[in-house]
Full PDB file with SEQRES, HELIX, SHEET, SSBOND, CRYST1, ORIGX, SCALE, CONECT and MASTER records, all heavy atoms in Angstrom:
SEQRES   1 A   39  ILE ILE GLU CYS PHE ALA LYS GLN GLN GLY LEU SER LEU          
SEQRES   2 A   39  ASP ALA ALA LEU SER PHE PHE HIS HIS SER GLU VAL TYR          
SEQRES   3 A   39  GLN LEU ILE ARG ASP GLY VAL SER ASP MET HIS CYS MET          
HELIX    1 AA1 ILE A    2  GLN A    9  1                                   8    
HELIX    2 AA2 LEU A   13  HIS A   21  1                                   9    
HELIX    3 AA3 GLU A   24  ARG A   30  1                                   7    
HELIX    4 AA4 VAL A   33  CYS A   38  5                                   6    
CRYST1    1.000    1.000    1.000  90.00  90.00  90.00 P 1           1          
ORIGX1      1.000000  0.000000  0.000000        0.00000                         
ORIGX2      0.000000  1.000000  0.000000        0.00000                         
ORIGX3      0.000000  0.000000  1.000000        0.00000                         
SCALE1      1.000000  0.000000  0.000000        0.00000                         
SCALE2      0.000000  1.000000  0.000000        0.00000                         
SCALE3      0.000000  0.000000  1.000000        0.00000                         
ATOM      1  N   ILE A   1       0.836  -1.200  -0.003  1.00  0.00           N  
ATOM      2  CA  ILE A   1      -0.008   0.012  -0.039  1.00  0.00           C  
ATOM      3  C   ILE A   1       0.869   1.244   0.019  1.00  0.00           C  
ATOM      4  O   ILE A   1       0.587   2.183  -0.762  1.00  0.00           O  
ATOM      5  CB  ILE A   1      -0.950  -0.033   1.279  1.00  0.00           C  
ATOM      6  CG1 ILE A   1      -1.969  -1.092   1.100  1.00  0.00           C  
ATOM      7  CG2 ILE A   1      -1.657   1.299   1.347  1.00  0.00           C  
ATOM      8  CD1 ILE A   1      -2.657  -1.415   2.513  1.00  0.00           C  
ATOM      9  N   ILE A   2       1.833   1.278   0.855  1.00  0.00           N  
ATOM     10  CA  ILE A   2       2.781   2.422   0.968  1.00  0.00           C  
ATOM     11  C   ILE A   2       3.474   2.651  -0.384  1.00  0.00           C  
ATOM     12  O   ILE A   2       3.580   3.817  -0.797  1.00  0.00           O  
ATOM     13  CB  ILE A   2       3.710   2.259   2.172  1.00  0.00           C  
ATOM     14  CG1 ILE A   2       3.038   2.314   3.398  1.00  0.00           C  
ATOM     15  CG2 ILE A   2       4.887   3.305   2.066  1.00  0.00           C  
ATOM     16  CD1 ILE A   2       3.737   1.733   4.610  1.00  0.00           C  
ATOM     17  N   GLU A   3       4.049   1.609  -1.039  1.00  0.00           N  
ATOM     18  CA  GLU A   3       4.660   1.715  -2.323  1.00  0.00           C  
ATOM     19  C   GLU A   3       3.771   2.343  -3.345  1.00  0.00           C  
ATOM     20  O   GLU A   3       4.150   3.252  -4.091  1.00  0.00           O  
ATOM     21  CB  GLU A   3       5.265   0.404  -2.690  1.00  0.00           C  
ATOM     22  CG  GLU A   3       6.492  -0.088  -2.038  1.00  0.00           C  
ATOM     23  CD  GLU A   3       6.927  -1.500  -2.348  1.00  0.00           C  
ATOM     24  OE1 GLU A   3       6.101  -2.192  -3.061  1.00  0.00           O  
ATOM     25  OE2 GLU A   3       8.031  -1.769  -1.996  1.00  0.00           O  
ATOM     26  N   CYS A   4       2.519   1.856  -3.466  1.00  0.00           N  
ATOM     27  CA  CYS A   4       1.583   2.257  -4.436  1.00  0.00           C  
ATOM     28  C   CYS A   4       1.208   3.779  -4.034  1.00  0.00           C  
ATOM     29  O   CYS A   4       1.190   4.553  -5.052  1.00  0.00           O  
ATOM     30  CB  CYS A   4       0.375   1.375  -4.370  1.00  0.00           C  
ATOM     31  SG  CYS A   4      -0.850   1.701  -5.645  1.00  0.00           S  
ATOM     32  N   PHE A   5       1.028   4.038  -2.905  1.00  0.00           N  
ATOM     33  CA  PHE A   5       0.578   5.399  -2.489  1.00  0.00           C  
ATOM     34  C   PHE A   5       1.814   6.364  -2.805  1.00  0.00           C  
ATOM     35  O   PHE A   5       1.616   7.523  -3.383  1.00  0.00           O  
ATOM     36  CB  PHE A   5       0.269   5.469  -1.031  1.00  0.00           C  
ATOM     37  CG  PHE A   5      -0.007   6.834  -0.498  1.00  0.00           C  
ATOM     38  CD1 PHE A   5      -1.038   7.630  -0.899  1.00  0.00           C  
ATOM     39  CD2 PHE A   5       0.814   7.384   0.475  1.00  0.00           C  
ATOM     40  CE1 PHE A   5      -1.252   8.893  -0.403  1.00  0.00           C  
ATOM     41  CE2 PHE A   5       0.614   8.659   1.064  1.00  0.00           C  
ATOM     42  CZ  PHE A   5      -0.412   9.413   0.578  1.00  0.00           C  
ATOM     43  N   ALA A   6       2.989   6.031  -2.504  1.00  0.00           N  
ATOM     44  CA  ALA A   6       4.148   6.898  -2.771  1.00  0.00           C  
ATOM     45  C   ALA A   6       4.270   7.163  -4.297  1.00  0.00           C  
ATOM     46  O   ALA A   6       4.480   8.346  -4.699  1.00  0.00           O  
ATOM     47  CB  ALA A   6       5.493   6.134  -2.286  1.00  0.00           C  
ATOM     48  N   LYS A   7       4.049   6.106  -5.149  1.00  0.00           N  
ATOM     49  CA  LYS A   7       4.088   6.348  -6.645  1.00  0.00           C  
ATOM     50  C   LYS A   7       2.974   7.293  -7.048  1.00  0.00           C  
ATOM     51  O   LYS A   7       3.284   8.148  -7.871  1.00  0.00           O  
ATOM     52  CB  LYS A   7       3.966   4.983  -7.295  1.00  0.00           C  
ATOM     53  CG  LYS A   7       5.159   4.211  -7.380  1.00  0.00           C  
ATOM     54  CD  LYS A   7       4.975   2.882  -8.252  1.00  0.00           C  
ATOM     55  CE  LYS A   7       6.224   2.036  -8.106  1.00  0.00           C  
ATOM     56  NZ  LYS A   7       5.989   0.738  -8.931  1.00  0.00           N  
ATOM     57  N   GLN A   8       1.822   7.047  -6.529  1.00  0.00           N  
ATOM     58  CA  GLN A   8       0.616   7.856  -6.914  1.00  0.00           C  
ATOM     59  C   GLN A   8       0.911   9.345  -6.574  1.00  0.00           C  
ATOM     60  O   GLN A   8       0.546  10.231  -7.393  1.00  0.00           O  
ATOM     61  CB  GLN A   8      -0.659   7.444  -6.220  1.00  0.00           C  
ATOM     62  CG  GLN A   8      -1.306   6.204  -6.845  1.00  0.00           C  
ATOM     63  CD  GLN A   8      -2.508   5.750  -5.900  1.00  0.00           C  
ATOM     64  OE1 GLN A   8      -2.660   6.199  -4.772  1.00  0.00           O  
ATOM     65  NE2 GLN A   8      -3.212   4.888  -6.462  1.00  0.00           N  
ATOM     66  N   GLN A   9       1.439   9.632  -5.530  1.00  0.00           N  
ATOM     67  CA  GLN A   9       1.677  10.989  -4.967  1.00  0.00           C  
ATOM     68  C   GLN A   9       2.932  11.591  -5.250  1.00  0.00           C  
ATOM     69  O   GLN A   9       3.197  12.786  -4.985  1.00  0.00           O  
ATOM     70  CB  GLN A   9       1.351  11.050  -3.496  1.00  0.00           C  
ATOM     71  CG  GLN A   9      -0.086  10.770  -3.143  1.00  0.00           C  
ATOM     72  CD  GLN A   9      -1.089  11.678  -3.780  1.00  0.00           C  
ATOM     73  OE1 GLN A   9      -0.880  12.926  -3.695  1.00  0.00           O  
ATOM     74  NE2 GLN A   9      -2.081  11.142  -4.405  1.00  0.00           N  
ATOM     75  N   GLY A  10       3.916  10.827  -5.732  1.00  0.00           N  
ATOM     76  CA  GLY A  10       5.241  11.336  -6.056  1.00  0.00           C  
ATOM     77  C   GLY A  10       5.953  11.632  -4.733  1.00  0.00           C  
ATOM     78  O   GLY A  10       6.826  12.487  -4.691  1.00  0.00           O  
ATOM     79  N   LEU A  11       5.684  10.806  -3.761  1.00  0.00           N  
ATOM     80  CA  LEU A  11       6.359  10.950  -2.434  1.00  0.00           C  
ATOM     81  C   LEU A  11       7.477   9.982  -2.282  1.00  0.00           C  
ATOM     82  O   LEU A  11       7.498   8.957  -2.882  1.00  0.00           O  
ATOM     83  CB  LEU A  11       5.332  10.780  -1.344  1.00  0.00           C  
ATOM     84  CG  LEU A  11       4.097  11.629  -1.180  1.00  0.00           C  
ATOM     85  CD1 LEU A  11       3.097  11.114  -0.242  1.00  0.00           C  
ATOM     86  CD2 LEU A  11       4.604  13.053  -0.867  1.00  0.00           C  
ATOM     87  N   SER A  12       8.387  10.247  -1.282  1.00  0.00           N  
ATOM     88  CA  SER A  12       9.397   9.406  -0.953  1.00  0.00           C  
ATOM     89  C   SER A  12       8.736   8.261  -0.166  1.00  0.00           C  
ATOM     90  O   SER A  12       7.670   8.401   0.375  1.00  0.00           O  
ATOM     91  CB  SER A  12      10.446   9.986  -0.166  1.00  0.00           C  
ATOM     92  OG  SER A  12      10.017  10.367   1.187  1.00  0.00           O  
ATOM     93  N   LEU A  13       9.361   7.095  -0.051  1.00  0.00           N  
ATOM     94  CA  LEU A  13       8.836   6.007   0.764  1.00  0.00           C  
ATOM     95  C   LEU A  13       8.766   6.466   2.197  1.00  0.00           C  
ATOM     96  O   LEU A  13       7.783   6.029   2.919  1.00  0.00           O  
ATOM     97  CB  LEU A  13       9.648   4.755   0.564  1.00  0.00           C  
ATOM     98  CG  LEU A  13       9.506   4.033  -0.735  1.00  0.00           C  
ATOM     99  CD1 LEU A  13      10.504   2.848  -0.859  1.00  0.00           C  
ATOM    100  CD2 LEU A  13       8.092   3.667  -1.035  1.00  0.00           C  
ATOM    101  N   ASP A  14       9.675   7.240   2.684  1.00  0.00           N  
ATOM    102  CA  ASP A  14       9.605   7.682   4.064  1.00  0.00           C  
ATOM    103  C   ASP A  14       8.453   8.591   4.422  1.00  0.00           C  
ATOM    104  O   ASP A  14       7.731   8.412   5.337  1.00  0.00           O  
ATOM    105  CB  ASP A  14      10.950   8.473   4.390  1.00  0.00           C  
ATOM    106  CG  ASP A  14      12.134   7.584   4.571  1.00  0.00           C  
ATOM    107  OD1 ASP A  14      11.948   6.340   4.857  1.00  0.00           O  
ATOM    108  OD2 ASP A  14      13.318   8.007   4.433  1.00  0.00           O  
ATOM    109  N   ALA A  15       8.250   9.477   3.386  1.00  0.00           N  
ATOM    110  CA  ALA A  15       7.129  10.440   3.598  1.00  0.00           C  
ATOM    111  C   ALA A  15       5.741   9.647   3.524  1.00  0.00           C  
ATOM    112  O   ALA A  15       4.875   9.880   4.365  1.00  0.00           O  
ATOM    113  CB  ALA A  15       7.096  11.533   2.530  1.00  0.00           C  
ATOM    114  N   ALA A  16       5.680   8.694   2.636  1.00  0.00           N  
ATOM    115  CA  ALA A  16       4.433   7.876   2.506  1.00  0.00           C  
ATOM    116  C   ALA A  16       4.244   6.993   3.680  1.00  0.00           C  
ATOM    117  O   ALA A  16       3.116   6.899   4.256  1.00  0.00           O  
ATOM    118  CB  ALA A  16       4.528   7.044   1.264  1.00  0.00           C  
ATOM    119  N   LEU A  17       5.296   6.445   4.212  1.00  0.00           N  
ATOM    120  CA  LEU A  17       5.297   5.621   5.419  1.00  0.00           C  
ATOM    121  C   LEU A  17       4.832   6.482   6.636  1.00  0.00           C  
ATOM    122  O   LEU A  17       3.907   6.033   7.371  1.00  0.00           O  
ATOM    123  CB  LEU A  17       6.625   4.995   5.749  1.00  0.00           C  
ATOM    124  CG  LEU A  17       6.672   4.217   6.970  1.00  0.00           C  
ATOM    125  CD1 LEU A  17       5.859   2.976   6.954  1.00  0.00           C  
ATOM    126  CD2 LEU A  17       8.153   3.887   7.274  1.00  0.00           C  
ATOM    127  N   SER A  18       5.334   7.642   6.772  1.00  0.00           N  
ATOM    128  CA  SER A  18       4.978   8.531   7.854  1.00  0.00           C  
ATOM    129  C   SER A  18       3.466   8.877   7.777  1.00  0.00           C  
ATOM    130  O   SER A  18       2.786   8.809   8.728  1.00  0.00           O  
ATOM    131  CB  SER A  18       5.851   9.784   7.785  1.00  0.00           C  
ATOM    132  OG  SER A  18       5.371  10.711   8.837  1.00  0.00           O  
ATOM    133  N   PHE A  19       3.021   9.250   6.628  1.00  0.00           N  
ATOM    134  CA  PHE A  19       1.574   9.540   6.482  1.00  0.00           C  
ATOM    135  C   PHE A  19       0.676   8.376   6.789  1.00  0.00           C  
ATOM    136  O   PHE A  19      -0.318   8.495   7.428  1.00  0.00           O  
ATOM    137  CB  PHE A  19       1.306  10.158   5.111  1.00  0.00           C  
ATOM    138  CG  PHE A  19      -0.201  10.484   4.979  1.00  0.00           C  
ATOM    139  CD1 PHE A  19      -0.691  11.673   5.465  1.00  0.00           C  
ATOM    140  CD2 PHE A  19      -1.032   9.617   4.315  1.00  0.00           C  
ATOM    141  CE1 PHE A  19      -2.015  12.035   5.442  1.00  0.00           C  
ATOM    142  CE2 PHE A  19      -2.445  10.010   4.299  1.00  0.00           C  
ATOM    143  CZ  PHE A  19      -2.898  11.174   4.870  1.00  0.00           C  
ATOM    144  N   PHE A  20       1.157   7.231   6.239  1.00  0.00           N  
ATOM    145  CA  PHE A  20       0.361   6.025   6.390  1.00  0.00           C  
ATOM    146  C   PHE A  20       0.169   5.660   7.889  1.00  0.00           C  
ATOM    147  O   PHE A  20      -0.936   5.358   8.239  1.00  0.00           O  
ATOM    148  CB  PHE A  20       1.035   4.832   5.635  1.00  0.00           C  
ATOM    149  CG  PHE A  20       0.312   3.499   5.772  1.00  0.00           C  
ATOM    150  CD1 PHE A  20      -0.795   3.315   5.114  1.00  0.00           C  
ATOM    151  CD2 PHE A  20       0.809   2.569   6.658  1.00  0.00           C  
ATOM    152  CE1 PHE A  20      -1.488   1.965   5.321  1.00  0.00           C  
ATOM    153  CE2 PHE A  20       0.116   1.373   6.839  1.00  0.00           C  
ATOM    154  CZ  PHE A  20      -0.964   1.122   6.169  1.00  0.00           C  
ATOM    155  N   HIS A  21       1.258   5.748   8.629  1.00  0.00           N  
ATOM    156  CA  HIS A  21       1.152   5.358  10.051  1.00  0.00           C  
ATOM    157  C   HIS A  21       0.266   6.358  10.875  1.00  0.00           C  
ATOM    158  O   HIS A  21      -0.054   5.962  12.050  1.00  0.00           O  
ATOM    159  CB  HIS A  21       2.550   5.145  10.642  1.00  0.00           C  
ATOM    160  CG  HIS A  21       2.981   3.765  10.282  1.00  0.00           C  
ATOM    161  ND1 HIS A  21       2.543   2.649  10.925  1.00  0.00           N  
ATOM    162  CD2 HIS A  21       4.081   3.330   9.449  1.00  0.00           C  
ATOM    163  CE1 HIS A  21       3.167   1.639  10.445  1.00  0.00           C  
ATOM    164  NE2 HIS A  21       4.161   2.011   9.602  1.00  0.00           N  
ATOM    165  N   HIS A  22      -0.040   7.487  10.377  1.00  0.00           N  
ATOM    166  CA  HIS A  22      -0.926   8.433  11.088  1.00  0.00           C  
ATOM    167  C   HIS A  22      -2.256   8.532  10.460  1.00  0.00           C  
ATOM    168  O   HIS A  22      -3.080   9.366  10.854  1.00  0.00           O  
ATOM    169  CB  HIS A  22      -0.239   9.769  11.141  1.00  0.00           C  
ATOM    170  CG  HIS A  22       1.015   9.763  11.929  1.00  0.00           C  
ATOM    171  ND1 HIS A  22       2.316   9.662  11.318  1.00  0.00           N  
ATOM    172  CD2 HIS A  22       1.243   9.903  13.249  1.00  0.00           C  
ATOM    173  CE1 HIS A  22       3.148   9.639  12.322  1.00  0.00           C  
ATOM    174  NE2 HIS A  22       2.550   9.809  13.498  1.00  0.00           N  
ATOM    175  N   SER A  23      -2.573   7.655   9.501  1.00  0.00           N  
ATOM    176  CA  SER A  23      -3.756   7.749   8.749  1.00  0.00           C  
ATOM    177  C   SER A  23      -4.950   6.949   9.380  1.00  0.00           C  
ATOM    178  O   SER A  23      -4.705   5.913  10.166  1.00  0.00           O  
ATOM    179  CB  SER A  23      -3.586   7.294   7.259  1.00  0.00           C  
ATOM    180  OG  SER A  23      -3.417   5.828   7.276  1.00  0.00           O  
ATOM    181  N   GLU A  24      -6.102   7.265   9.003  1.00  0.00           N  
ATOM    182  CA  GLU A  24      -7.333   6.591   9.413  1.00  0.00           C  
ATOM    183  C   GLU A  24      -7.326   5.152   8.691  1.00  0.00           C  
ATOM    184  O   GLU A  24      -7.802   4.198   9.262  1.00  0.00           O  
ATOM    185  CB  GLU A  24      -8.595   7.253   9.084  1.00  0.00           C  
ATOM    186  CG  GLU A  24      -8.795   8.482   9.975  1.00  0.00           C  
ATOM    187  CD  GLU A  24     -10.092   9.229   9.666  1.00  0.00           C  
ATOM    188  OE1 GLU A  24     -11.105   8.612   9.444  1.00  0.00           O  
ATOM    189  OE2 GLU A  24     -10.111  10.463   9.733  1.00  0.00           O  
ATOM    190  N   VAL A  25      -6.897   5.121   7.486  1.00  0.00           N  
ATOM    191  CA  VAL A  25      -6.820   3.839   6.686  1.00  0.00           C  
ATOM    192  C   VAL A  25      -6.028   2.786   7.460  1.00  0.00           C  
ATOM    193  O   VAL A  25      -6.449   1.683   7.623  1.00  0.00           O  
ATOM    194  CB  VAL A  25      -6.323   4.042   5.263  1.00  0.00           C  
ATOM    195  CG1 VAL A  25      -6.042   2.795   4.581  1.00  0.00           C  
ATOM    196  CG2 VAL A  25      -7.187   4.930   4.509  1.00  0.00           C  
ATOM    197  N   TYR A  26      -4.821   3.277   7.950  1.00  0.00           N  
ATOM    198  CA  TYR A  26      -4.024   2.344   8.637  1.00  0.00           C  
ATOM    199  C   TYR A  26      -4.773   1.882   9.990  1.00  0.00           C  
ATOM    200  O   TYR A  26      -4.694   0.637  10.281  1.00  0.00           O  
ATOM    201  CB  TYR A  26      -2.684   3.013   9.137  1.00  0.00           C  
ATOM    202  CG  TYR A  26      -1.956   2.208  10.127  1.00  0.00           C  
ATOM    203  CD1 TYR A  26      -1.322   1.002   9.782  1.00  0.00           C  
ATOM    204  CD2 TYR A  26      -1.719   2.705  11.344  1.00  0.00           C  
ATOM    205  CE1 TYR A  26      -0.568   0.212  10.687  1.00  0.00           C  
ATOM    206  CE2 TYR A  26      -0.957   2.015  12.315  1.00  0.00           C  
ATOM    207  CZ  TYR A  26      -0.414   0.797  12.006  1.00  0.00           C  
ATOM    208  OH  TYR A  26       0.366   0.061  12.904  1.00  0.00           O  
ATOM    209  N   GLN A  27      -5.426   2.734  10.656  1.00  0.00           N  
ATOM    210  CA  GLN A  27      -6.042   2.276  11.945  1.00  0.00           C  
ATOM    211  C   GLN A  27      -7.197   1.395  11.577  1.00  0.00           C  
ATOM    212  O   GLN A  27      -7.384   0.363  12.372  1.00  0.00           O  
ATOM    213  CB  GLN A  27      -6.668   3.621  12.537  1.00  0.00           C  
ATOM    214  CG  GLN A  27      -5.598   4.498  13.199  1.00  0.00           C  
ATOM    215  CD  GLN A  27      -6.228   5.754  13.705  1.00  0.00           C  
ATOM    216  OE1 GLN A  27      -7.352   5.960  13.851  1.00  0.00           O  
ATOM    217  NE2 GLN A  27      -5.273   6.729  14.035  1.00  0.00           N  
ATOM    218  N   LEU A  28      -7.908   1.499  10.503  1.00  0.00           N  
ATOM    219  CA  LEU A  28      -9.020   0.680  10.125  1.00  0.00           C  
ATOM    220  C   LEU A  28      -8.517  -0.745   9.782  1.00  0.00           C  
ATOM    221  O   LEU A  28      -9.077  -1.773  10.240  1.00  0.00           O  
ATOM    222  CB  LEU A  28      -9.809   1.269   8.994  1.00  0.00           C  
ATOM    223  CG  LEU A  28     -10.639   2.521   9.320  1.00  0.00           C  
ATOM    224  CD1 LEU A  28     -11.269   3.021   7.967  1.00  0.00           C  
ATOM    225  CD2 LEU A  28     -11.722   2.180  10.281  1.00  0.00           C  
ATOM    226  N   ILE A  29      -7.362  -0.711   9.019  1.00  0.00           N  
ATOM    227  CA  ILE A  29      -6.832  -2.078   8.700  1.00  0.00           C  
ATOM    228  C   ILE A  29      -6.289  -2.783   9.945  1.00  0.00           C  
ATOM    229  O   ILE A  29      -6.494  -3.907  10.174  1.00  0.00           O  
ATOM    230  CB  ILE A  29      -5.685  -1.878   7.632  1.00  0.00           C  
ATOM    231  CG1 ILE A  29      -6.203  -1.313   6.310  1.00  0.00           C  
ATOM    232  CG2 ILE A  29      -5.021  -3.239   7.312  1.00  0.00           C  
ATOM    233  CD1 ILE A  29      -5.091  -0.841   5.355  1.00  0.00           C  
ATOM    234  N   ARG A  30      -5.547  -2.003  10.743  1.00  0.00           N  
ATOM    235  CA  ARG A  30      -4.905  -2.556  11.912  1.00  0.00           C  
ATOM    236  C   ARG A  30      -5.954  -3.232  12.849  1.00  0.00           C  
ATOM    237  O   ARG A  30      -5.709  -4.195  13.523  1.00  0.00           O  
ATOM    238  CB  ARG A  30      -4.042  -1.520  12.553  1.00  0.00           C  
ATOM    239  CG  ARG A  30      -3.369  -1.898  13.863  1.00  0.00           C  
ATOM    240  CD  ARG A  30      -2.929  -0.824  14.725  1.00  0.00           C  
ATOM    241  NE  ARG A  30      -4.044  -0.024  15.160  1.00  0.00           N  
ATOM    242  CZ  ARG A  30      -4.056   1.285  15.473  1.00  0.00           C  
ATOM    243  NH1 ARG A  30      -2.946   1.905  15.491  1.00  0.00           N  
ATOM    244  NH2 ARG A  30      -5.206   1.846  15.931  1.00  0.00           N  
ATOM    245  N   ASP A  31      -7.051  -2.505  12.968  1.00  0.00           N  
ATOM    246  CA  ASP A  31      -8.101  -2.855  13.939  1.00  0.00           C  
ATOM    247  C   ASP A  31      -9.040  -3.772  13.273  1.00  0.00           C  
ATOM    248  O   ASP A  31      -9.995  -4.298  14.037  1.00  0.00           O  
ATOM    249  CB  ASP A  31      -8.876  -1.619  14.432  1.00  0.00           C  
ATOM    250  CG  ASP A  31      -8.014  -0.645  15.190  1.00  0.00           C  
ATOM    251  OD1 ASP A  31      -7.000  -1.051  15.724  1.00  0.00           O  
ATOM    252  OD2 ASP A  31      -8.467   0.509  15.382  1.00  0.00           O  
ATOM    253  N   GLY A  32      -8.909  -4.245  12.147  1.00  0.00           N  
ATOM    254  CA  GLY A  32      -9.685  -5.241  11.476  1.00  0.00           C  
ATOM    255  C   GLY A  32     -11.156  -4.783  11.127  1.00  0.00           C  
ATOM    256  O   GLY A  32     -11.995  -5.626  11.062  1.00  0.00           O  
ATOM    257  N   VAL A  33     -11.347  -3.519  11.020  1.00  0.00           N  
ATOM    258  CA  VAL A  33     -12.672  -3.037  10.716  1.00  0.00           C  
ATOM    259  C   VAL A  33     -13.075  -3.285   9.222  1.00  0.00           C  
ATOM    260  O   VAL A  33     -12.281  -3.093   8.317  1.00  0.00           O  
ATOM    261  CB  VAL A  33     -12.672  -1.440  10.947  1.00  0.00           C  
ATOM    262  CG1 VAL A  33     -14.028  -0.892  10.519  1.00  0.00           C  
ATOM    263  CG2 VAL A  33     -12.460  -1.063  12.423  1.00  0.00           C  
ATOM    264  N   SER A  34     -14.261  -3.893   9.137  1.00  0.00           N  
ATOM    265  CA  SER A  34     -14.829  -4.139   7.817  1.00  0.00           C  
ATOM    266  C   SER A  34     -13.985  -4.984   6.942  1.00  0.00           C  
ATOM    267  O   SER A  34     -14.088  -4.844   5.626  1.00  0.00           O  
ATOM    268  CB  SER A  34     -15.253  -2.825   7.114  1.00  0.00           C  
ATOM    269  OG  SER A  34     -16.289  -2.135   7.791  1.00  0.00           O  
ATOM    270  N   ASP A  35     -13.073  -5.726   7.461  1.00  0.00           N  
ATOM    271  CA  ASP A  35     -12.134  -6.552   6.634  1.00  0.00           C  
ATOM    272  C   ASP A  35     -11.450  -5.807   5.659  1.00  0.00           C  
ATOM    273  O   ASP A  35     -11.219  -6.141   4.534  1.00  0.00           O  
ATOM    274  CB  ASP A  35     -12.907  -7.719   5.970  1.00  0.00           C  
ATOM    275  CG  ASP A  35     -13.387  -8.830   6.990  1.00  0.00           C  
ATOM    276  OD1 ASP A  35     -12.729  -8.908   8.053  1.00  0.00           O  
ATOM    277  OD2 ASP A  35     -14.291  -9.538   6.656  1.00  0.00           O  
ATOM    278  N   MET A  36     -10.982  -4.579   6.094  1.00  0.00           N  
ATOM    279  CA  MET A  36     -10.207  -3.670   5.066  1.00  0.00           C  
ATOM    280  C   MET A  36      -8.955  -4.317   4.494  1.00  0.00           C  
ATOM    281  O   MET A  36      -8.559  -4.090   3.476  1.00  0.00           O  
ATOM    282  CB  MET A  36      -9.889  -2.419   5.900  1.00  0.00           C  
ATOM    283  CG  MET A  36     -10.973  -1.424   6.117  1.00  0.00           C  
ATOM    284  SD  MET A  36     -11.519  -0.572   4.770  1.00  0.00           S  
ATOM    285  CE  MET A  36     -10.242   0.672   4.564  1.00  0.00           C  
ATOM    286  N   HIS A  37      -8.390  -5.279   5.325  1.00  0.00           N  
ATOM    287  CA  HIS A  37      -7.148  -5.973   4.866  1.00  0.00           C  
ATOM    288  C   HIS A  37      -7.468  -6.820   3.733  1.00  0.00           C  
ATOM    289  O   HIS A  37      -6.576  -7.260   2.971  1.00  0.00           O  
ATOM    290  CB  HIS A  37      -6.572  -6.783   5.953  1.00  0.00           C  
ATOM    291  CG  HIS A  37      -7.394  -7.906   6.513  1.00  0.00           C  
ATOM    292  ND1 HIS A  37      -8.444  -7.601   7.390  1.00  0.00           N  
ATOM    293  CD2 HIS A  37      -7.451  -9.145   6.158  1.00  0.00           C  
ATOM    294  CE1 HIS A  37      -9.078  -8.776   7.672  1.00  0.00           C  
ATOM    295  NE2 HIS A  37      -8.519  -9.644   7.039  1.00  0.00           N  
ATOM    296  N   CYS A  38      -8.723  -7.069   3.446  1.00  0.00           N  
ATOM    297  CA  CYS A  38      -9.060  -7.936   2.287  1.00  0.00           C  
ATOM    298  C   CYS A  38      -9.241  -7.173   0.919  1.00  0.00           C  
ATOM    299  O   CYS A  38      -9.321  -7.701  -0.144  1.00  0.00           O  
ATOM    300  CB  CYS A  38     -10.395  -8.722   2.554  1.00  0.00           C  
ATOM    301  SG  CYS A  38     -10.357  -9.839   3.818  1.00  0.00           S  
ATOM    302  N   MET A  39      -9.246  -5.832   1.012  1.00  0.00           N  
ATOM    303  CA  MET A  39      -9.312  -5.015  -0.183  1.00  0.00           C  
ATOM    304  C   MET A  39      -8.075  -4.968  -0.880  1.00  0.00           C  
ATOM    305  O   MET A  39      -7.008  -5.222  -0.264  1.00  0.00           O  
ATOM    306  CB  MET A  39      -9.736  -3.536   0.261  1.00  0.00           C  
ATOM    307  CG  MET A  39     -10.977  -3.420   1.046  1.00  0.00           C  
ATOM    308  SD  MET A  39     -12.385  -3.923   0.109  1.00  0.00           S  
ATOM    309  CE  MET A  39     -13.708  -3.630   1.365  1.00  0.00           C  
TER     310      MET A  39                                                      
MASTER        0    0    0    4    0    0    0    6  309    1    0    3          
END                                                                             
């Protein structure tokens, strides 16, 4: 996900990783909400 997001936004992997770890998307996947990890 981070690699794909970094490419889409033209971000470094570090910047994409930082944003990802503070995102709602990460929290939903981590917490198993709505089987987000299956998307």
